[in-house]
Amino acid sequence: MTSSITAPTNPYLVLGAAIVLPASGHVILGVPVRGLQFLFFLVILAWVTAKIAPPDASFVGRHAGGFLIYALSILDAYKIARIRTAKWVHNARRDGDNAQSGIGPHT
């Protein structure tokens, strides 16, 4: 018996999308508002650190706040994808065990 719930998006696809384009991993996962929140804070913190950083700081140093939020958004999107995949695998195994043993609504 196969589950009627479709498989979640591959976590590595989400990870790659999040690395290439900020918030795109969240959009793929179906939580675009969360991605927009990360983008908003990315821009704000990059701007703030650019204003308070010393003039001789590197580009990354001047925008460190934005890079921090960017890294957190990548981790967040990947974590959500991994959790969804783990839940899907767990439910599929549980449904398969119930169907094989004759327990549950499958009989």
Protein backbone atom coordinates (compact mmCIF):
# COMPACT_ATOMS: atom_id res chain seq x y z
CA MET A 1 0.00 0.00 0.00
CA THR A 2 1.47 3.36 -0.95
CA SER A 3 0.88 6.55 0.95
CA SER A 4 -1.35 9.15 -0.65
CA ILE A 5 0.94 11.90 0.61
CA THR A 6 3.52 12.96 -1.97
CA ALA A 7 7.20 12.98 -1.14
CA PRO A 8 8.61 16.28 0.13
CA THR A 9 11.14 18.28 -1.84
CA ASN A 10 14.67 16.90 -1.73
CA PRO A 11 16.58 18.72 1.06
CA TYR A 12 19.68 19.03 -1.13
CA LEU A 13 17.66 20.85 -3.80
CA VAL A 14 16.39 23.23 -1.13
CA LEU A 15 19.94 23.70 0.17
CA GLY A 16 21.29 24.47 -3.29
CA ALA A 17 18.50 26.92 -4.06
CA ALA A 18 18.97 28.67 -0.70
CA ILE A 19 22.69 29.05 -1.34
CA VAL A 20 22.24 30.41 -4.86
CA LEU A 21 19.40 32.83 -4.11
CA PRO A 22 18.41 33.92 -0.61
CA ALA A 23 14.82 32.96 0.35
CA SER A 24 14.36 30.70 -2.67
CA GLY A 25 14.67 27.62 -0.47
CA HIS A 26 11.76 28.85 1.63
CA VAL A 27 9.72 29.54 -1.50
CA ILE A 28 10.33 25.98 -2.73
CA LEU A 29 9.18 24.70 0.65
CA GLY A 30 5.96 26.69 0.43
CA VAL A 31 6.78 29.20 3.18
CA PRO A 32 7.54 32.35 1.16
CA VAL A 33 6.62 34.72 4.00
CA ARG A 34 9.36 33.21 6.14
CA GLY A 35 11.79 33.72 3.26
CA LEU A 36 10.72 37.35 2.89
CA GLN A 37 11.27 37.88 6.61
CA PHE A 38 14.82 36.59 6.25
CA LEU A 39 15.36 38.85 3.23
CA PHE A 40 14.05 41.87 5.11
CA PHE A 41 16.40 41.32 8.04
CA LEU A 42 19.27 40.47 5.70
CA VAL A 43 18.96 43.85 4.00
CA ILE A 44 18.42 45.77 7.24
CA LEU A 45 21.36 44.22 9.07
CA ALA A 46 23.64 44.55 6.05
CA TRP A 47 22.74 48.24 5.90
CA VAL A 48 23.25 48.75 9.64
CA THR A 49 26.64 47.06 9.68
CA ALA A 50 27.68 49.04 6.59
CA LYS A 51 26.91 52.25 8.50
CA ILE A 52 28.76 51.31 11.70
CA ALA A 53 31.72 49.40 10.23
CA PRO A 54 35.08 51.16 9.98
CA PRO A 55 35.91 52.54 6.54
CA ASP A 56 38.90 50.21 6.08
CA ALA A 57 36.80 47.04 6.63
CA SER A 58 36.40 44.57 3.79
CA PHE A 59 33.13 44.12 1.90
CA VAL A 60 32.24 41.11 4.03
CA GLY A 61 33.15 43.01 7.19
CA ARG A 62 31.02 45.99 6.17
CA HIS A 63 28.01 43.72 5.53
CA ALA A 64 28.60 41.08 8.21
CA GLY A 65 25.07 41.36 9.60
CA GLY A 66 23.57 40.56 6.22
CA PHE A 67 25.90 37.60 5.72
CA LEU A 68 24.93 36.28 9.15
CA ILE A 69 21.22 36.34 8.30
CA TYR A 70 21.98 34.83 4.87
CA ALA A 71 23.77 31.90 6.55
CA LEU A 72 20.93 31.46 9.04
CA SER A 73 18.35 31.44 6.24
CA ILE A 74 20.27 28.69 4.42
CA LEU A 75 20.38 26.59 7.58
CA ASP A 76 16.71 27.25 8.32
CA ALA A 77 15.49 26.22 4.88
CA TYR A 78 17.61 23.07 4.92
CA LYS A 79 16.44 22.19 8.44
CA ILE A 80 12.77 22.51 7.45
CA ALA A 81 13.35 20.31 4.39
CA ARG A 82 15.19 17.66 6.42
CA ILE A 83 12.47 17.55 9.08
CA ARG A 84 9.73 17.21 6.47
CA THR A 85 11.64 14.40 4.75
CA ALA A 86 12.28 12.59 8.03
CA LYS A 87 8.59 12.82 8.98
CA TRP A 88 7.56 11.55 5.55
CA VAL A 89 9.96 8.58 5.76
CA HIS A 90 8.78 7.78 9.28
CA ASN A 91 5.11 7.90 8.28
CA ALA A 92 5.73 5.80 5.16
CA ARG A 93 7.50 3.13 7.21
CA ARG A 94 4.79 3.15 9.85
CA ASP A 95 2.06 2.85 7.20
CA GLY A 96 3.98 0.03 5.52
CA ASP A 97 4.39 -1.86 8.79
CA ASN A 98 0.69 -1.46 9.61
CA ALA A 99 -0.35 -2.65 6.15
CA GLN A 100 1.89 -5.73 6.36
CA SER A 101 0.72 -6.71 9.84
CA GLY A 102 -2.96 -6.15 9.11
CA ILE A 103 -3.24 -3.43 11.76
CA GLY A 104 -5.05 -0.20 11.12
CA PRO A 105 -7.47 1.09 8.54
CA HIS A 106 -5.73 -0.71 5.65
CA THR A 107 -7.48 -4.04 6.38
